[in-house]
Amino acid sequence: MTTKKPKDGPTTRYPDICADGWPANPGDPVEWQNPPQGGTTIKQYGNNRWPFTLASPFPWPNAPSAVLILPNLPPNKYYYWVDSCPNEGAPKSVDVS
């Protein structure tokens, strides 16, 4: 995964669409990489707290606006679901510091 940090600002995160356990901070923009041809859907996993600013579910890469980690989100591991990852049956997660 690569990151890009503007001076004194949030860090843009570029995790692979099927990555699990990638790091982020509240307010960081997220731009998933390598979505399947035709895109996919990212959605809430069960009753787990949703970590993104866009409401669940949303399409990727054709999201209606930028995706950010929620501001003021407490440090924790947050789970979500990606419909078209080859490792079906396993939720994905982001580790928020």
N, C-alpha and C. Protein backbone atom coordinates (compact mmCIF):
# COMPACT_ATOMS: atom_id res chain seq x y z
N MET A 1 0.83 -1.16 0.00
CA MET A 1 0.00 0.00 0.00
C MET A 1 0.88 1.24 0.00
N THR A 2 0.50 2.23 -0.75
CA THR A 2 1.22 3.49 -0.74
C THR A 2 0.38 4.54 -0.02
N THR A 3 1.04 5.56 0.47
CA THR A 3 0.34 6.66 1.12
C THR A 3 0.89 7.96 0.59
N LYS A 4 0.10 8.99 0.67
CA LYS A 4 0.51 10.32 0.24
C LYS A 4 0.03 11.29 1.30
N LYS A 5 0.97 12.02 1.91
CA LYS A 5 0.60 12.92 2.99
C LYS A 5 0.91 14.36 2.61
N PRO A 6 -0.16 15.18 2.47
CA PRO A 6 0.08 16.60 2.28
C PRO A 6 0.69 17.18 3.55
N LYS A 7 1.39 18.26 3.42
CA LYS A 7 2.02 18.89 4.57
C LYS A 7 0.97 19.24 5.61
N ASP A 8 1.14 18.73 6.84
CA ASP A 8 0.26 19.02 7.97
C ASP A 8 -1.21 18.69 7.69
N GLY A 9 -1.46 17.65 6.93
CA GLY A 9 -2.84 17.28 6.65
C GLY A 9 -3.04 15.78 6.75
N PRO A 10 -4.22 15.33 6.36
CA PRO A 10 -4.48 13.90 6.39
C PRO A 10 -3.64 13.16 5.36
N THR A 11 -3.50 11.86 5.56
CA THR A 11 -2.74 11.01 4.66
C THR A 11 -3.71 10.25 3.76
N THR A 12 -3.58 10.39 2.46
CA THR A 12 -4.40 9.61 1.55
C THR A 12 -3.93 8.17 1.58
N ARG A 13 -4.86 7.25 1.80
CA ARG A 13 -4.56 5.82 1.87
C ARG A 13 -4.93 5.16 0.56
N TYR A 14 -4.07 4.26 0.08
CA TYR A 14 -4.28 3.57 -1.19
C TYR A 14 -4.22 2.05 -1.00
N PRO A 15 -5.11 1.48 -0.18
CA PRO A 15 -5.06 0.03 0.02
C PRO A 15 -5.59 -0.71 -1.19
N ASP A 16 -5.12 -1.93 -1.39
CA ASP A 16 -5.72 -2.79 -2.39
C ASP A 16 -7.17 -3.04 -1.98
N ILE A 17 -8.06 -3.16 -2.94
CA ILE A 17 -9.48 -3.33 -2.64
C ILE A 17 -9.74 -4.53 -1.73
N CYS A 18 -8.91 -5.56 -1.81
CA CYS A 18 -9.11 -6.75 -0.98
C CYS A 18 -8.16 -6.82 0.21
N ALA A 19 -7.44 -5.72 0.49
CA ALA A 19 -6.51 -5.70 1.62
C ALA A 19 -7.28 -5.77 2.94
N ASP A 20 -6.65 -6.36 3.93
CA ASP A 20 -7.24 -6.47 5.26
C ASP A 20 -6.26 -5.90 6.27
N GLY A 21 -6.78 -5.14 7.23
CA GLY A 21 -5.94 -4.62 8.30
C GLY A 21 -5.04 -3.47 7.91
N TRP A 22 -5.45 -2.66 6.94
CA TRP A 22 -4.61 -1.52 6.53
C TRP A 22 -4.77 -0.36 7.52
N PRO A 23 -3.70 0.43 7.71
CA PRO A 23 -3.73 1.50 8.71
C PRO A 23 -4.34 2.79 8.17
N ALA A 24 -4.98 3.54 9.05
CA ALA A 24 -5.52 4.85 8.70
C ALA A 24 -5.74 5.65 9.98
N ASN A 25 -5.98 6.93 9.79
CA ASN A 25 -6.30 7.84 10.88
C ASN A 25 -7.63 8.51 10.57
N PRO A 26 -8.34 8.99 11.59
CA PRO A 26 -9.58 9.71 11.34
C PRO A 26 -9.34 10.86 10.35
N GLY A 27 -10.25 11.00 9.38
CA GLY A 27 -10.15 12.07 8.39
C GLY A 27 -9.33 11.73 7.17
N ASP A 28 -8.63 10.59 7.16
CA ASP A 28 -7.81 10.23 5.99
C ASP A 28 -8.71 9.88 4.80
N PRO A 29 -8.38 10.40 3.61
CA PRO A 29 -9.07 9.96 2.40
C PRO A 29 -8.63 8.54 2.03
N VAL A 30 -9.54 7.80 1.40
CA VAL A 30 -9.25 6.42 1.00
C VAL A 30 -9.51 6.29 -0.50
N GLU A 31 -8.54 5.73 -1.21
CA GLU A 31 -8.67 5.45 -2.64
C GLU A 31 -8.21 4.02 -2.88
N TRP A 32 -9.17 3.08 -2.82
CA TRP A 32 -8.83 1.67 -3.01
C TRP A 32 -8.27 1.45 -4.41
N GLN A 33 -7.31 0.52 -4.49
CA GLN A 33 -6.64 0.19 -5.74
C GLN A 33 -7.08 -1.20 -6.22
N ASN A 34 -6.96 -1.42 -7.52
CA ASN A 34 -7.19 -2.72 -8.16
C ASN A 34 -8.60 -3.27 -7.99
N PRO A 35 -9.63 -2.42 -8.18
CA PRO A 35 -10.98 -2.98 -8.13
C PRO A 35 -11.20 -3.89 -9.33
N PRO A 36 -12.12 -4.85 -9.21
CA PRO A 36 -12.36 -5.72 -10.35
C PRO A 36 -12.97 -4.95 -11.51
N GLN A 37 -12.79 -5.47 -12.70
CA GLN A 37 -13.41 -4.84 -13.87
C GLN A 37 -14.91 -4.79 -13.62
N GLY A 38 -15.52 -3.66 -13.84
CA GLY A 38 -16.93 -3.50 -13.55
C GLY A 38 -17.21 -2.96 -12.16
N GLY A 39 -16.17 -2.86 -11.32
CA GLY A 39 -16.33 -2.30 -9.98
C GLY A 39 -16.85 -3.29 -8.96
N THR A 40 -17.11 -2.79 -7.77
CA THR A 40 -17.60 -3.61 -6.67
C THR A 40 -18.44 -2.74 -5.75
N THR A 41 -18.92 -3.32 -4.68
CA THR A 41 -19.69 -2.60 -3.67
C THR A 41 -19.04 -2.80 -2.31
N ILE A 42 -18.91 -1.70 -1.58
CA ILE A 42 -18.38 -1.73 -0.22
C ILE A 42 -19.55 -1.44 0.71
N LYS A 43 -19.70 -2.29 1.74
CA LYS A 43 -20.86 -2.13 2.61
C LYS A 43 -20.53 -2.52 4.05
N GLN A 44 -21.46 -2.15 4.93
CA GLN A 44 -21.31 -2.45 6.35
C GLN A 44 -21.30 -3.95 6.55
N TYR A 45 -20.49 -4.40 7.50
CA TYR A 45 -20.41 -5.81 7.84
C TYR A 45 -21.18 -6.03 9.14
N GLY A 46 -22.32 -6.67 9.04
CA GLY A 46 -23.14 -6.95 10.21
C GLY A 46 -23.51 -5.68 10.96
N ASN A 47 -23.38 -5.73 12.28
CA ASN A 47 -23.68 -4.56 13.12
C ASN A 47 -22.43 -3.79 13.51
N ASN A 48 -21.30 -4.08 12.85
CA ASN A 48 -20.05 -3.39 13.17
C ASN A 48 -20.16 -1.91 12.82
N ARG A 49 -19.48 -1.09 13.62
CA ARG A 49 -19.49 0.35 13.37
C ARG A 49 -18.89 0.65 12.00
N TRP A 50 -19.57 1.47 11.23
CA TRP A 50 -19.17 1.86 9.89
C TRP A 50 -18.10 2.96 9.98
N PRO A 51 -16.90 2.77 9.37
CA PRO A 51 -15.81 3.72 9.56
C PRO A 51 -15.70 4.82 8.50
N PHE A 52 -16.58 4.83 7.49
CA PHE A 52 -16.41 5.75 6.36
C PHE A 52 -17.47 6.85 6.35
N THR A 53 -17.14 7.96 5.69
CA THR A 53 -18.07 9.09 5.63
C THR A 53 -19.25 8.84 4.70
N LEU A 54 -19.08 8.05 3.65
CA LEU A 54 -20.20 7.72 2.78
C LEU A 54 -21.08 6.68 3.44
N ALA A 55 -22.38 6.78 3.23
CA ALA A 55 -23.30 5.79 3.79
C ALA A 55 -23.11 4.45 3.09
N SER A 56 -23.35 3.40 3.83
CA SER A 56 -23.27 2.03 3.29
C SER A 56 -24.60 1.68 2.64
N PRO A 57 -24.56 0.99 1.52
CA PRO A 57 -23.42 0.58 0.69
C PRO A 57 -23.07 1.66 -0.32
N PHE A 58 -21.85 1.58 -0.87
CA PHE A 58 -21.49 2.47 -1.97
C PHE A 58 -20.66 1.71 -3.00
N PRO A 59 -20.73 2.15 -4.27
CA PRO A 59 -19.96 1.49 -5.32
C PRO A 59 -18.52 1.98 -5.32
N TRP A 60 -17.62 1.11 -5.75
CA TRP A 60 -16.22 1.52 -5.95
C TRP A 60 -15.75 0.93 -7.26
N PRO A 61 -15.15 1.69 -8.18
CA PRO A 61 -14.57 3.01 -7.98
C PRO A 61 -15.51 4.16 -8.30
N ASN A 62 -16.78 3.91 -8.49
CA ASN A 62 -17.71 4.98 -8.89
C ASN A 62 -18.49 5.57 -7.73
N ALA A 63 -17.81 5.78 -6.61
CA ALA A 63 -18.46 6.37 -5.44
C ALA A 63 -18.95 7.78 -5.79
N PRO A 64 -20.07 8.21 -5.19
CA PRO A 64 -20.62 9.52 -5.52
C PRO A 64 -19.78 10.70 -5.03
N SER A 65 -18.87 10.45 -4.09
CA SER A 65 -17.99 11.52 -3.60
C SER A 65 -16.77 10.87 -2.96
N ALA A 66 -15.88 11.70 -2.44
CA ALA A 66 -14.67 11.19 -1.79
C ALA A 66 -15.04 10.32 -0.59
N VAL A 67 -14.21 9.32 -0.33
CA VAL A 67 -14.40 8.45 0.83
C VAL A 67 -13.34 8.83 1.86
N LEU A 68 -13.78 9.13 3.06
CA LEU A 68 -12.88 9.48 4.15
C LEU A 68 -13.16 8.56 5.33
N ILE A 69 -12.12 8.36 6.16
CA ILE A 69 -12.34 7.73 7.46
C ILE A 69 -13.07 8.77 8.31
N LEU A 70 -14.09 8.35 9.03
CA LEU A 70 -14.86 9.29 9.84
C LEU A 70 -13.95 10.10 10.76
N PRO A 71 -14.16 11.41 10.83
CA PRO A 71 -13.40 12.21 11.79
C PRO A 71 -13.81 11.82 13.21
N ASN A 72 -12.92 11.97 14.15
CA ASN A 72 -13.17 11.68 15.57
C ASN A 72 -13.51 10.22 15.84
N LEU A 73 -13.13 9.32 14.94
CA LEU A 73 -13.37 7.90 15.14
C LEU A 73 -12.36 7.38 16.17
N PRO A 74 -12.80 6.71 17.23
CA PRO A 74 -11.86 6.20 18.22
C PRO A 74 -10.94 5.13 17.64
N PRO A 75 -9.73 5.01 18.15
CA PRO A 75 -8.83 3.96 17.68
C PRO A 75 -9.45 2.57 17.87
N ASN A 76 -9.40 1.78 16.81
CA ASN A 76 -9.97 0.43 16.87
C ASN A 76 -9.80 -0.21 15.50
N LYS A 77 -10.16 -1.49 15.42
CA LYS A 77 -10.23 -2.20 14.14
C LYS A 77 -11.69 -2.16 13.72
N TYR A 78 -11.94 -1.68 12.49
CA TYR A 78 -13.30 -1.55 11.97
C TYR A 78 -13.46 -2.46 10.76
N TYR A 79 -14.54 -3.24 10.77
CA TYR A 79 -14.78 -4.23 9.72
C TYR A 79 -15.80 -3.72 8.72
N TYR A 80 -15.60 -4.11 7.46
CA TYR A 80 -16.53 -3.79 6.37
C TYR A 80 -16.47 -4.93 5.37
N TRP A 81 -17.36 -4.92 4.39
CA TRP A 81 -17.46 -6.01 3.41
C TRP A 81 -17.22 -5.47 2.01
N VAL A 82 -16.45 -6.21 1.21
CA VAL A 82 -16.24 -5.90 -0.19
C VAL A 82 -16.83 -7.07 -0.98
N ASP A 83 -17.85 -6.78 -1.79
CA ASP A 83 -18.60 -7.85 -2.47
C ASP A 83 -17.76 -8.76 -3.35
N SER A 84 -16.80 -8.22 -4.06
CA SER A 84 -16.19 -9.04 -5.11
C SER A 84 -14.75 -9.46 -4.87
N CYS A 85 -14.32 -9.50 -3.63
CA CYS A 85 -12.96 -9.98 -3.36
C CYS A 85 -12.90 -11.50 -3.47
N PRO A 86 -11.79 -12.04 -3.95
CA PRO A 86 -11.71 -13.49 -4.12
C PRO A 86 -11.79 -14.25 -2.80
N ASN A 87 -11.50 -13.60 -1.70
CA ASN A 87 -11.55 -14.25 -0.39
C ASN A 87 -12.94 -14.05 0.21
N GLU A 88 -13.99 -14.45 -0.53
CA GLU A 88 -15.36 -14.29 -0.04
C GLU A 88 -15.52 -14.98 1.30
N GLY A 89 -16.40 -14.45 2.11
CA GLY A 89 -16.64 -15.03 3.41
C GLY A 89 -15.82 -14.40 4.52
N ALA A 90 -14.88 -13.54 4.17
CA ALA A 90 -14.06 -12.88 5.18
C ALA A 90 -14.25 -11.37 5.08
N PRO A 91 -14.62 -10.70 6.17
CA PRO A 91 -14.71 -9.25 6.10
C PRO A 91 -13.32 -8.63 5.98
N LYS A 92 -13.26 -7.41 5.53
CA LYS A 92 -12.03 -6.63 5.47
C LYS A 92 -12.02 -5.69 6.65
N SER A 93 -10.86 -5.14 6.99
CA SER A 93 -10.81 -4.23 8.13
C SER A 93 -9.82 -3.10 7.88
N VAL A 94 -10.05 -2.02 8.61
CA VAL A 94 -9.13 -0.90 8.66
C VAL A 94 -8.77 -0.68 10.13
N ASP A 95 -7.47 -0.52 10.41
CA ASP A 95 -6.98 -0.27 11.77
C ASP A 95 -6.80 1.23 11.95
N VAL A 96 -7.74 1.84 12.66
CA VAL A 96 -7.71 3.28 12.86
C VAL A 96 -6.92 3.59 14.12
N SER A 97 -5.95 4.50 13.99
CA SER A 97 -5.10 4.90 15.13
C SER A 97 -5.71 6.09 15.84
